[in-house]
N, C-alpha and C. Protein backbone atom coordinates (compact mmCIF):
# COMPACT_ATOMS: atom_id res chain seq x y z
N GLU A 1 204.85 113.33 50.67
CA GLU A 1 204.52 111.84 51.23
C GLU A 1 203.50 111.03 50.84
N LEU A 2 202.00 111.77 51.39
CA LEU A 2 200.84 111.05 51.24
C LEU A 2 200.32 110.87 49.73
N SER A 3 201.25 111.55 48.86
CA SER A 3 200.67 111.40 47.06
C SER A 3 201.50 110.31 46.50
N GLU A 4 202.93 110.32 47.29
CA GLU A 4 203.33 109.54 46.81
C GLU A 4 202.88 107.56 47.27
N VAL A 5 201.71 107.60 48.56
CA VAL A 5 201.32 106.04 48.34
C VAL A 5 200.69 106.05 47.15
N GLU A 6 201.47 104.52 46.55
CA GLU A 6 200.06 104.48 45.75
C GLU A 6 198.56 103.98 46.06
N GLY A 7 197.88 104.88 44.69
CA GLY A 7 196.40 105.08 44.78
C GLY A 7 196.24 105.66 46.14
N ALA A 8 196.33 106.50 46.87
CA ALA A 8 196.08 107.86 47.90
C ALA A 8 195.23 108.75 47.17
N ASP A 9 194.82 109.23 47.37
CA ASP A 9 194.33 110.64 46.92
C ASP A 9 194.39 111.77 47.70
N PRO A 10 195.52 112.60 47.70
CA PRO A 10 196.18 113.32 48.28
C PRO A 10 194.88 114.54 49.11
N ASP A 11 194.19 114.65 48.66
CA ASP A 11 193.30 115.55 48.83
C ASP A 11 191.94 114.75 50.31
N ARG A 12 191.88 113.61 49.68
CA ARG A 12 191.14 112.96 50.83
C ARG A 12 192.26 112.84 51.93
N ALA A 13 193.23 112.46 52.04
CA ALA A 13 193.88 112.18 53.21
C ALA A 13 194.19 113.39 53.97
N LEU A 14 194.51 114.48 53.16
CA LEU A 14 194.56 115.90 53.82
C LEU A 14 193.28 116.39 54.65
N ASP A 15 192.07 115.73 54.09
CA ASP A 15 190.83 116.02 54.65
C ASP A 15 190.65 115.42 55.84
N ALA A 16 190.89 114.09 55.63
CA ALA A 16 191.02 113.36 56.56
C ALA A 16 191.43 113.95 57.83
N MET A 17 193.06 114.32 57.74
CA MET A 17 193.97 114.48 58.78
C MET A 17 193.20 115.88 59.54
N LEU A 18 192.58 116.79 58.55
CA LEU A 18 192.12 117.77 59.43
C LEU A 18 190.61 117.55 60.08
N ALA A 19 189.85 116.71 59.78
CA ALA A 19 188.71 116.23 60.36
C ALA A 19 189.49 115.63 61.64
N LEU A 20 190.34 114.63 61.67
CA LEU A 20 190.78 114.24 62.86
C LEU A 20 191.31 115.37 63.96
N THR A 21 191.98 116.22 63.47
CA THR A 21 192.83 117.54 64.34
C THR A 21 191.45 118.46 64.46
N ASP A 22 190.23 118.27 64.11
CA ASP A 22 189.10 118.90 64.35
C ASP A 22 188.66 118.33 65.72
N ALA A 23 188.33 117.08 65.31
CA ALA A 23 187.70 116.00 66.75
C ALA A 23 188.65 116.24 67.76
N HIS A 24 190.04 115.96 67.92
CA HIS A 24 190.82 116.01 68.83
C HIS A 24 190.57 117.32 69.55
N ALA A 25 190.49 118.51 68.86
CA ALA A 25 190.64 119.99 69.51
C ALA A 25 189.04 119.88 69.85
N ASP A 26 187.95 119.66 69.33
CA ASP A 26 186.66 119.23 69.93
C ASP A 26 186.95 118.66 71.41
N GLN A 27 187.34 117.76 71.32
CA GLN A 27 187.14 116.82 72.72
C GLN A 27 187.87 117.45 73.64
N ALA A 28 188.98 118.12 73.33
CA ALA A 28 190.07 118.86 74.29
C ALA A 28 189.55 120.50 75.12
N ALA A 29 188.36 120.54 73.65
CA ALA A 29 187.29 121.96 74.39
C ALA A 29 186.16 121.34 75.54
N GLU A 30 185.97 119.86 75.24
CA GLU A 30 185.24 119.48 75.93
C GLU A 30 185.58 119.39 77.55
N LEU A 31 187.18 118.71 77.18
CA LEU A 31 187.77 118.33 78.85
C LEU A 31 187.88 119.51 79.79
N ARG A 32 188.09 121.01 78.71
CA ARG A 32 188.31 121.92 79.69
C ARG A 32 187.12 122.27 80.20
N LYS A 33 185.97 121.95 79.60
CA LYS A 33 184.41 122.63 79.99
C LYS A 33 184.56 121.81 80.97
N ILE A 34 184.45 120.43 81.03
CA ILE A 34 184.22 119.75 82.30
C ILE A 34 184.92 119.78 82.99
N GLU A 35 186.17 120.20 83.17
CA GLU A 35 187.55 120.42 84.44
C GLU A 35 186.83 121.74 84.70
N GLY A 36 186.13 122.52 84.09
CA GLY A 36 185.94 124.06 84.73
C GLY A 36 185.12 123.84 85.63
N ARG A 37 183.65 122.92 85.04
CA ARG A 37 182.13 122.39 85.56
C ARG A 37 182.67 122.03 87.29
N ASN A 38 184.00 120.92 87.16
CA ASN A 38 184.09 120.53 88.67
C ASN A 38 184.84 121.38 89.09
N THR A 39 185.51 122.23 88.67
CA THR A 39 185.95 123.24 89.73
C THR A 39 184.93 124.00 90.16
N GLU A 40 184.14 124.27 89.31
CA GLU A 40 182.88 125.31 90.10
C GLU A 40 182.35 124.68 91.06
N ARG A 41 182.00 123.17 90.48
CA ARG A 41 181.12 122.12 92.02
C ARG A 41 182.32 122.05 93.27
N MET A 42 183.45 121.92 92.79
CA MET A 42 184.04 121.63 93.97
C MET A 42 184.31 123.12 95.02
N ALA A 43 183.92 124.23 94.26
CA ALA A 43 184.08 125.29 95.03
C ALA A 43 183.18 125.98 95.57
N VAL A 44 181.86 125.22 95.28
CA VAL A 44 180.66 125.25 95.72
C VAL A 44 180.34 124.55 96.62
N ASN A 45 180.94 123.21 96.26
CA ASN A 45 180.80 122.21 98.01
C ASN A 45 181.78 122.88 99.00
N ARG A 46 182.85 123.43 98.73
CA ARG A 46 183.85 123.57 100.06
C ARG A 46 182.96 124.72 100.66
N VAL A 47 182.41 125.80 99.65
CA VAL A 47 181.60 127.00 100.55
C VAL A 47 180.04 126.45 101.60
N ALA A 48 179.70 125.61 100.83
CA ALA A 48 178.62 124.94 101.65
C ALA A 48 179.13 124.18 103.04
N ARG A 49 180.40 123.36 102.79
CA ARG A 49 180.79 122.78 104.14
C ARG A 49 181.37 123.72 104.60
N SER A 50 181.82 124.76 104.50
CA SER A 50 182.18 126.05 105.62
C SER A 50 181.19 126.43 106.05
N ILE A 51 180.05 126.71 105.38
CA ILE A 51 178.81 127.10 105.94
C ILE A 51 177.94 126.51 106.99
N LEU A 52 178.21 125.51 106.38
CA LEU A 52 177.37 124.32 107.91
C LEU A 52 178.30 123.81 108.83
N SER A 53 179.31 124.19 108.33
CA SER A 53 180.37 123.50 109.77
C SER A 53 180.31 124.88 110.86
N ALA A 54 180.26 126.00 110.21
CA ALA A 54 180.27 127.16 110.90
C ALA A 54 179.14 127.65 111.69
N MET A 55 177.56 126.87 111.15
CA MET A 55 176.63 126.96 111.66
C MET A 55 176.18 126.47 112.84
N GLU A 56 175.60 127.39 113.70
CA GLU A 56 175.06 126.44 115.13
C GLU A 56 173.77 125.66 114.71
N ILE A 57 174.33 124.39 115.81
CA ILE A 57 173.36 123.36 115.82
C ILE A 57 171.97 123.62 115.20
N ASP A 58 171.08 124.92 116.37
CA ASP A 58 169.75 125.26 115.96
C ASP A 58 169.47 125.69 114.71
N ASN A 59 170.93 126.55 114.18
CA ASN A 59 170.63 126.78 112.80
C ASN A 59 170.27 125.97 111.67
N LEU A 60 171.64 124.99 111.65
CA LEU A 60 171.45 124.05 110.59
C LEU A 60 170.10 123.15 111.05
N LEU A 61 169.39 122.88 112.76
CA LEU A 61 168.07 122.17 112.30
C LEU A 61 167.02 123.06 111.83
N VAL A 62 166.91 124.50 112.00
CA VAL A 62 166.02 125.30 111.52
C VAL A 62 165.97 124.98 109.59
N VAL A 63 167.21 125.09 109.36
CA VAL A 63 167.32 124.91 107.48
C VAL A 63 166.75 123.45 107.38
N LEU A 64 167.06 122.10 108.07
CA LEU A 64 166.58 120.91 107.87
C LEU A 64 164.95 120.81 107.92
N LEU A 65 164.48 121.44 109.13
CA LEU A 65 163.21 121.67 108.76
C LEU A 65 162.63 122.24 107.94
N ASP A 66 163.20 123.19 107.82
CA ASP A 66 162.23 124.30 106.64
C ASP A 66 162.36 123.39 105.23
N ALA A 67 163.20 123.14 105.18
CA ALA A 67 163.15 121.82 104.00
C ALA A 67 162.38 120.73 103.92
N THR A 68 162.20 120.49 104.88
CA THR A 68 161.41 119.11 105.30
C THR A 68 159.87 119.52 105.46
N LEU A 69 159.48 120.87 105.92
CA LEU A 69 158.26 121.03 105.77
C LEU A 69 157.71 121.21 104.45
N ASP A 70 158.33 122.24 103.96
CA ASP A 70 158.05 122.22 102.17
C ASP A 70 157.95 121.48 101.31
N ARG A 71 159.03 120.01 101.62
CA ARG A 71 158.47 119.10 100.85
C ARG A 71 157.22 118.17 101.14
N LEU A 72 156.78 118.25 102.65
CA LEU A 72 155.83 117.57 103.19
C LEU A 72 154.67 118.70 102.65
N GLY A 73 154.70 119.61 103.23
CA GLY A 73 153.43 120.21 102.71
C GLY A 73 152.77 120.25 104.17
N ALA A 74 153.82 120.75 105.10
CA ALA A 74 153.16 120.58 106.50
C ALA A 74 153.29 122.05 107.18
N SER A 75 153.50 122.57 108.16
CA SER A 75 153.43 124.18 108.92
C SER A 75 154.59 124.44 110.33
N HIS A 76 154.05 123.02 110.90
CA HIS A 76 155.07 122.77 111.97
C HIS A 76 155.63 121.62 112.39
N ALA A 77 156.80 121.75 112.86
CA ALA A 77 157.63 120.50 113.09
C ALA A 77 158.76 121.01 113.93
N GLY A 78 159.25 119.79 114.57
CA GLY A 78 160.55 120.42 115.52
C GLY A 78 161.68 119.17 115.44
N VAL A 79 162.52 119.31 116.07
CA VAL A 79 163.60 118.04 116.25
C VAL A 79 163.95 118.11 117.69
N VAL A 80 164.11 117.06 118.52
CA VAL A 80 164.63 117.34 119.79
C VAL A 80 166.01 115.78 119.74
N MET A 81 166.55 116.47 120.58
CA MET A 81 168.38 115.73 120.52
C MET A 81 168.52 115.46 121.99
N PHE A 82 168.58 113.63 122.58
CA PHE A 82 168.88 113.65 124.07
C PHE A 82 170.02 113.69 124.00
N ASP A 83 171.06 113.81 125.07
CA ASP A 83 172.43 114.27 126.10
C ASP A 83 172.79 112.85 126.47
N PRO A 84 173.43 112.27 126.06
CA PRO A 84 173.85 110.94 126.80
C PRO A 84 174.75 110.86 127.79
N ALA A 85 175.31 112.50 127.72
CA ALA A 85 176.21 112.88 129.10
C ALA A 85 175.71 113.48 130.17
N ALA A 86 174.22 113.24 129.92
CA ALA A 86 173.42 113.94 130.96
C ALA A 86 172.07 113.01 131.33
N ASP A 87 172.62 111.70 131.07
CA ASP A 87 171.13 110.75 131.26
C ASP A 87 170.24 110.91 130.33
N GLY A 88 170.38 111.39 129.49
CA GLY A 88 169.26 111.30 128.45
C GLY A 88 168.72 112.64 128.09
N ALA A 89 169.10 113.16 129.10
CA ALA A 89 168.49 114.89 129.33
C ALA A 89 167.76 115.08 127.71
N LEU A 90 167.25 116.14 127.35
CA LEU A 90 166.89 116.71 126.08
C LEU A 90 167.75 117.73 125.83
N LYS A 91 168.82 117.82 124.91
CA LYS A 91 169.42 118.82 124.70
C LYS A 91 169.36 120.03 123.68
N THR A 92 168.55 119.45 122.79
CA THR A 92 168.53 120.83 121.52
C THR A 92 167.07 120.43 121.04
N HIS A 93 166.71 121.54 121.29
CA HIS A 93 165.11 121.43 120.71
C HIS A 93 164.58 122.53 119.63
N VAL A 94 164.50 122.73 118.69
CA VAL A 94 163.50 123.48 117.45
C VAL A 94 162.55 123.44 117.17
N THR A 95 161.54 124.16 117.06
CA THR A 95 160.01 123.27 117.19
C THR A 95 159.39 124.88 116.79
N GLY A 96 158.42 124.86 116.29
CA GLY A 96 157.13 125.96 116.25
C GLY A 96 156.60 126.32 117.13
N PHE A 97 156.64 125.17 118.25
CA PHE A 97 155.84 125.34 119.67
C PHE A 97 156.84 126.04 120.36
N GLY A 98 157.64 126.35 120.02
CA GLY A 98 158.36 127.08 121.09
C GLY A 98 159.70 126.16 121.69
N ARG A 99 160.87 126.55 123.21
CA ARG A 99 161.65 125.46 123.04
C ARG A 99 161.43 124.81 124.38
N ASP A 100 160.25 124.04 124.55
CA ASP A 100 159.84 123.13 125.59
C ASP A 100 159.68 121.39 124.83
N PRO A 101 161.70 120.96 125.38
CA PRO A 101 161.54 119.75 124.88
C PRO A 101 160.79 118.82 124.90
N ALA A 102 160.09 119.11 126.10
CA ALA A 102 158.59 117.77 126.33
C ALA A 102 157.27 118.30 125.70
N LEU A 103 157.36 119.16 125.45
CA LEU A 103 156.13 119.63 124.21
C LEU A 103 155.31 119.76 125.57
N GLY A 104 155.21 120.00 126.59
CA GLY A 104 154.29 120.43 127.47
C GLY A 104 153.63 118.85 127.95
N LEU A 105 153.68 117.87 127.69
CA LEU A 105 153.59 116.89 128.03
C LEU A 105 153.09 116.63 129.47
N ALA A 106 152.05 115.77 129.83
CA ALA A 106 152.11 115.49 131.25
C ALA A 106 153.24 114.02 131.18
N PRO A 107 153.12 113.71 132.53
CA PRO A 107 154.62 112.84 132.58
C PRO A 107 153.89 111.30 132.21
N ALA A 108 153.01 111.31 132.25
CA ALA A 108 152.71 109.65 131.70
C ALA A 108 152.37 109.67 130.18
N SER A 109 151.86 111.02 129.68
CA SER A 109 151.76 111.06 128.60
C SER A 109 153.37 111.17 127.44
N ALA A 110 154.25 111.60 128.08
CA ALA A 110 156.06 111.92 127.93
C ALA A 110 156.34 110.34 127.90
N ARG A 111 155.84 109.90 129.04
CA ARG A 111 156.70 108.06 129.09
C ARG A 111 156.34 107.47 127.50
N ARG A 112 155.06 107.52 127.54
CA ARG A 112 154.62 106.67 126.64
C ARG A 112 155.44 107.28 125.11
N PHE A 113 155.51 107.94 125.00
CA PHE A 113 156.04 109.18 123.88
C PHE A 113 157.17 108.44 123.63
N PHE A 114 158.18 108.60 124.72
CA PHE A 114 159.68 107.89 124.85
C PHE A 114 159.68 106.73 124.79
N GLU A 115 158.77 105.96 124.95
CA GLU A 115 158.69 104.10 124.42
C GLU A 115 158.62 104.09 123.14
N LEU A 116 157.71 104.41 122.70
CA LEU A 116 157.45 104.87 121.24
C LEU A 116 158.73 105.58 120.60
N MET A 117 159.47 105.91 121.01
CA MET A 117 160.90 106.22 120.00
C MET A 117 161.67 104.85 120.42
N ARG A 118 161.83 104.33 121.33
CA ARG A 118 162.60 103.59 121.95
C ARG A 118 162.44 102.58 120.95
N ASP A 119 161.22 101.96 120.78
CA ASP A 119 161.41 100.76 120.33
C ASP A 119 160.48 100.27 118.45
N SER A 120 161.08 101.95 118.31
CA SER A 120 160.94 102.28 116.28
C SER A 120 161.67 102.95 115.65
N ASP A 121 162.16 101.94 114.50
CA ASP A 121 163.12 102.63 113.54
C ASP A 121 162.59 103.24 112.57
N GLY A 122 161.43 103.03 112.24
CA GLY A 122 160.15 104.04 111.33
C GLY A 122 159.21 104.78 112.29
N PRO A 123 158.74 105.61 110.88
CA PRO A 123 157.99 106.42 111.45
C PRO A 123 156.83 106.37 112.44
N ILE A 124 156.29 107.16 113.42
CA ILE A 124 155.40 106.66 114.18
C ILE A 124 154.29 107.61 114.66
N PRO A 125 153.13 107.30 113.77
CA PRO A 125 152.10 108.36 113.45
C PRO A 125 151.43 108.30 114.55
N ALA A 126 150.35 109.44 115.26
CA ALA A 126 149.98 109.65 116.36
C ALA A 126 148.57 110.25 115.83
N ASP A 127 147.24 109.59 115.67
CA ASP A 127 146.07 109.83 115.14
C ASP A 127 145.04 109.68 115.89
N LYS A 128 143.75 109.66 115.18
CA LYS A 128 142.65 109.22 116.17
C LYS A 128 142.71 107.77 116.47
N SER A 129 143.15 106.88 115.13
CA SER A 129 143.05 105.76 114.97
C SER A 129 144.48 105.10 115.54
N ARG A 130 145.59 105.85 115.63
CA ARG A 130 147.17 105.23 116.12
C ARG A 130 147.55 105.85 117.09
N ASP A 131 147.41 105.62 118.14
CA ASP A 131 148.27 106.25 119.39
C ASP A 131 146.80 107.47 120.01
N PRO A 132 145.35 107.38 119.96
CA PRO A 132 145.17 108.36 120.40
C PRO A 132 145.03 109.04 121.60
N GLU A 133 145.94 108.37 122.52
CA GLU A 133 146.46 109.01 123.80
C GLU A 133 147.44 109.99 123.35
N LEU A 134 148.51 109.31 122.68
CA LEU A 134 149.42 110.75 122.24
C LEU A 134 148.84 111.96 121.43
N LEU A 135 147.86 111.44 120.72
CA LEU A 135 147.33 112.66 120.04
C LEU A 135 146.29 113.77 121.07
N VAL A 136 145.82 113.12 122.06
CA VAL A 136 144.95 114.18 123.04
C VAL A 136 145.95 115.09 123.58
N ALA A 137 146.97 114.17 124.28
CA ALA A 137 148.38 114.85 124.87
C ALA A 137 148.79 116.02 124.02
N LEU A 138 148.99 115.65 122.56
CA LEU A 138 149.44 116.77 121.84
C LEU A 138 148.55 117.76 121.39
N ARG A 139 146.79 117.73 121.69
CA ARG A 139 146.10 118.75 121.53
C ARG A 139 145.62 119.83 122.29
N ALA A 140 146.58 119.03 123.67
CA ALA A 140 146.34 120.09 124.92
C ALA A 140 147.46 120.83 124.61
N VAL A 141 148.49 120.89 123.97
CA VAL A 141 149.75 121.72 123.90
C VAL A 141 149.04 122.84 122.45
N ASP A 142 148.38 121.81 121.42
CA ASP A 142 147.73 123.03 120.55
C ASP A 142 146.59 122.26 119.86
N THR A 143 145.43 122.97 120.19
CA THR A 143 144.41 122.50 119.82
C THR A 143 144.36 122.16 118.39
N ARG A 144 144.81 122.99 117.58
CA ARG A 144 144.96 122.87 116.04
C ARG A 144 145.23 120.86 115.06
N ILE A 145 146.44 120.81 116.10
CA ILE A 145 146.66 119.46 115.75
C ILE A 145 145.67 118.38 115.58
N HIS A 146 145.58 117.69 114.12
CA HIS A 146 145.11 116.70 114.05
C HIS A 146 145.70 115.35 113.99
N SER A 147 147.07 115.56 113.80
CA SER A 147 147.51 114.12 113.27
C SER A 147 149.23 114.79 113.93
N ALA A 148 149.94 113.46 113.94
CA ALA A 148 151.59 114.03 114.02
C ALA A 148 152.09 112.64 113.47
N VAL A 149 153.39 112.76 112.97
CA VAL A 149 154.36 112.22 112.50
C VAL A 149 155.82 111.62 113.45
N PHE A 150 156.40 110.91 113.90
CA PHE A 150 157.44 110.91 114.73
C PHE A 150 158.63 110.08 113.98
N GLN A 151 159.85 110.65 113.72
CA GLN A 151 160.77 109.95 113.07
C GLN A 151 162.07 109.89 114.21
N PRO A 152 162.15 108.81 114.34
CA PRO A 152 163.65 108.61 115.36
C PRO A 152 164.58 109.11 114.63
N LEU A 153 165.52 109.92 115.28
CA LEU A 153 167.02 110.22 114.48
C LEU A 153 168.08 109.02 115.19
N LYS A 154 168.57 108.29 114.86
CA LYS A 154 169.56 107.57 115.47
C LYS A 154 170.96 108.14 114.67
N MET A 155 171.97 107.69 115.53
CA MET A 155 173.29 107.86 114.95
C MET A 155 173.73 106.49 115.68
N SER A 156 175.12 106.43 116.27
CA SER A 156 176.31 105.53 116.40
C SER A 156 175.19 104.69 117.25
N SER A 157 174.71 104.54 118.33
CA SER A 157 174.38 103.62 118.85
C SER A 157 172.84 103.20 118.40
N THR A 158 172.10 102.13 118.86
CA THR A 158 171.02 101.66 118.17
C THR A 158 169.92 102.28 118.77
N SER A 159 170.04 102.79 120.18
CA SER A 159 169.02 103.61 120.09
C SER A 159 168.41 104.92 119.83
N PRO A 160 167.34 105.67 119.76
CA PRO A 160 166.98 106.68 119.48
C PRO A 160 168.07 107.73 120.15
N SER A 161 168.65 108.91 118.92
CA SER A 161 169.28 110.02 119.37
C SER A 161 168.26 111.06 119.60
N GLY A 162 167.21 111.04 119.07
CA GLY A 162 166.16 112.33 119.29
C GLY A 162 165.62 111.97 118.02
N TRP A 163 164.42 112.98 117.53
CA TRP A 163 163.31 112.77 116.75
C TRP A 163 163.11 113.94 116.04
N ILE A 164 162.56 113.70 114.81
CA ILE A 164 162.00 114.52 114.41
C ILE A 164 160.21 114.62 114.28
N GLY A 165 159.78 115.57 114.60
CA GLY A 165 158.54 115.55 114.79
C GLY A 165 157.51 116.44 113.76
N ILE A 166 156.89 116.17 112.91
CA ILE A 166 156.10 116.72 111.73
C ILE A 166 154.26 116.66 113.01
N TYR A 167 154.11 117.88 113.05
CA TYR A 167 152.76 118.07 113.57
C TYR A 167 151.80 118.47 112.63
N LEU A 168 150.78 117.92 112.20
CA LEU A 168 149.71 118.28 110.81
C LEU A 168 148.73 118.90 111.33
N MET A 169 148.52 120.30 110.91
CA MET A 169 147.74 120.52 111.59
C MET A 169 146.14 120.88 110.57
N GLU A 170 144.74 121.33 111.14
CA GLU A 170 143.59 121.08 110.69
C GLU A 170 143.51 121.70 109.47
N GLY A 171 143.40 120.60 108.27
CA GLY A 171 143.29 121.47 106.78
C GLY A 171 144.92 120.74 106.09
N GLU A 172 145.43 120.13 106.85
CA GLU A 172 146.89 119.69 106.05
C GLU A 172 146.95 118.40 105.93
N SER A 173 146.98 117.89 105.01
CA SER A 173 146.72 116.45 104.05
C SER A 173 147.73 115.58 105.11
N ARG A 174 147.36 114.20 105.68
CA ARG A 174 147.81 113.26 106.05
C ARG A 174 149.26 112.70 105.29
N LEU A 175 150.47 112.59 106.18
CA LEU A 175 151.54 112.03 104.71
C LEU A 175 151.33 110.84 104.50
N ASN A 176 151.96 110.92 103.07
CA ASN A 176 151.47 109.57 102.36
C ASN A 176 152.47 108.99 102.44
N ALA A 177 152.56 107.65 101.84
CA ALA A 177 154.21 106.83 101.64
C ALA A 177 155.13 107.50 101.23
N ALA A 178 155.34 107.98 100.14
CA ALA A 178 156.78 109.01 99.75
C ALA A 178 156.73 109.69 100.63
N ALA A 179 155.98 110.26 100.98
CA ALA A 179 156.06 111.20 102.19
C ALA A 179 156.75 111.10 103.20
N LEU A 180 156.77 109.64 103.82
CA LEU A 180 157.01 109.01 104.90
C LEU A 180 158.75 108.74 104.82
N LEU A 181 158.75 108.20 103.29
CA LEU A 181 160.20 107.49 102.75
C LEU A 181 160.89 109.04 103.01
N PHE A 182 160.29 110.01 102.64
CA PHE A 182 161.33 110.68 102.75
C PHE A 182 161.72 111.44 103.66
N LEU A 183 160.97 111.37 105.00
CA LEU A 183 161.45 111.88 105.95
C LEU A 183 162.38 110.62 106.69
N SER A 184 162.17 109.46 106.23
CA SER A 184 163.18 108.35 106.91
C SER A 184 164.79 109.21 106.47
N SER A 185 164.33 108.88 104.96
CA SER A 185 165.67 109.66 104.17
C SER A 185 166.46 110.82 105.22
N ILE A 186 165.54 111.63 105.69
CA ILE A 186 166.09 112.87 105.98
C ILE A 186 166.57 112.71 107.24
N SER A 187 165.87 111.55 107.88
CA SER A 187 166.04 111.85 109.49
C SER A 187 167.60 110.81 109.73
N ARG A 188 167.85 109.96 108.66
CA ARG A 188 169.41 109.73 108.65
C ARG A 188 170.27 110.25 108.25
N LEU A 189 169.88 111.50 107.40
CA LEU A 189 171.32 112.46 106.49
C LEU A 189 171.45 113.72 107.93
N ALA A 190 170.00 113.47 108.48
CA ALA A 190 170.06 114.45 109.92
C ALA A 190 170.83 113.93 111.11
N ALA A 191 170.87 112.65 111.39
CA ALA A 191 171.56 112.00 112.09
C ALA A 191 173.25 112.28 112.02
N LEU A 192 173.48 111.68 110.90
CA LEU A 192 174.59 111.86 110.17
C LEU A 192 175.49 112.94 110.43
N GLY A 193 174.68 114.56 109.96
CA GLY A 193 175.20 115.45 110.17
C GLY A 193 175.33 115.89 111.61
N LEU A 194 174.33 115.65 112.14
CA LEU A 194 174.26 116.40 113.77
C LEU A 194 175.27 115.68 114.44
N GLU A 195 175.40 114.24 114.45
CA GLU A 195 176.91 113.03 114.57
C GLU A 195 177.95 114.48 114.38
């Protein structure tokens, strides 16, 4: 039929049709590859969700802290959660310093610490120039601490639900602006996950 169209070259028309058929076949193959990758990603996502939902909260926090410490180049960190059902008692604590939720702080230092948590949304540094009293209290827990950063964890309420503490030892670099931004992002993800 193509040869009957006036001025049509049957060979060129056939080549064009074959090229179009090949292009459609290539597109179909690409779509199958994309669908296969999406199926794989969905399977990995389901497995990851199942693992996380099966993890106890302390295990989840350990994974979170390990990833955070690795990114920040620090060696010690802790997570503390308040229990609103028990008038703000400390419920969950995972740290390199053992399982003492108050870090062994004296009552006056602990009060100052909780005030800092309540009044801040962003990272709270504790070093010689900023909040030296808290640093002295932390050094009473471990003399190797030369500075620390505390990031409040906030869930659905406006008051902190807990905090992540990063403890920098002698020889570890102070956290820069990018690291503090990362810590803020991690704390939001942690709060969502823990809630």
